[in-house]
Amino acid sequence: RQPGNDLSAEVPYLVESAWTWSSFALVLNIEGIYSLGGDDFSSDALSKIPQGAGFSARYNSVNRQMVSPGVAGYKTFGNWRIGLEGRTIVSGVSTDKGNSLAVSLLRSSGGVSKIESKKEAFKEYRVEATVIKVSPRAKFIQIDQGISQDIEKGMRFDIYQSDFFGGNELIAQAVAFEVAGEKSILKIVKKYSRKRVKKGFVARAE
C-alpha cells in the first residue's frame, strides 16, 4: 500500500484463525502494518511538518508500524447474529496504543436462495410440453407428450407460467409418474410459488 502525504510504502496484513460450530464461532487474529522504511524523515522525524492538528500519531507518522491482536465471538439466533469483538494495539511506531471493543448485530436475509438461483439460472431444455389437465388438488398434472417424445418415467420437469410477452415464472417442479404414448402424468414434488399450476402452463425438461 502506498499512502498519501509522502508516507512510506507499507504492507498491511491480517492473519486469523476461526473455529466454527453450528451456531457459534470464535475468531483469533493479528492485524498489523509493516513499514518498508521509505519515509523521507526516517533519520530526523522531528523536522517533519505536521499533517494535522489532532492528537493521533497516525497522521504525522514516520515509517508507521503496528501490531494488534484481536479476539471475536459470534452467536447466531435464526436470522440474527450478535458479535463481540475486542482488539488491542500492543506495539508500534507512529501509532496510537489502546484497546477497542465493538458489539455488532446483524440480520441475514439468507442471500440468494436455491429457489431464486434456480429461477434466475439460464437453462436449455430438451423437452417442452403443455399442461392439458390438472387434478382437483393440483397434486398431479397431465401433459401432451409421452413415450413418442422420449418422455421417461422419473424425468424431472420445471413447470412455468408463460405468456405472449416472453414472461417465464417458475411455479413448481414435477416428476413423470405415468407415461403413455402421447400423454404423461406428472406428480408435483416442489412448489416455488404460491400460484396453483393451471391448464396451459408449460412443462420443460432437460
Foldseek 3Di string as FASTA:
>chain_A
DDDPPQAFDKDWDKDKDKDDDPFKIKMKMKTKIAGPQPRPCSPPLPPQDQPDDDPFLQRSFHRKMWIKIKMKMWGDDVQKIKMKIKMFTDDIGSGDTDIDIDIDMDGDPPPQDPLNCVFPDDDDFPDKWFFAAADPVRQKTKTFAFVCSVDDFFFKKFKWAADPVGDTGTFFMWTFHAGDHGMTMTGTDGGSDPDGDDGGIMITGD
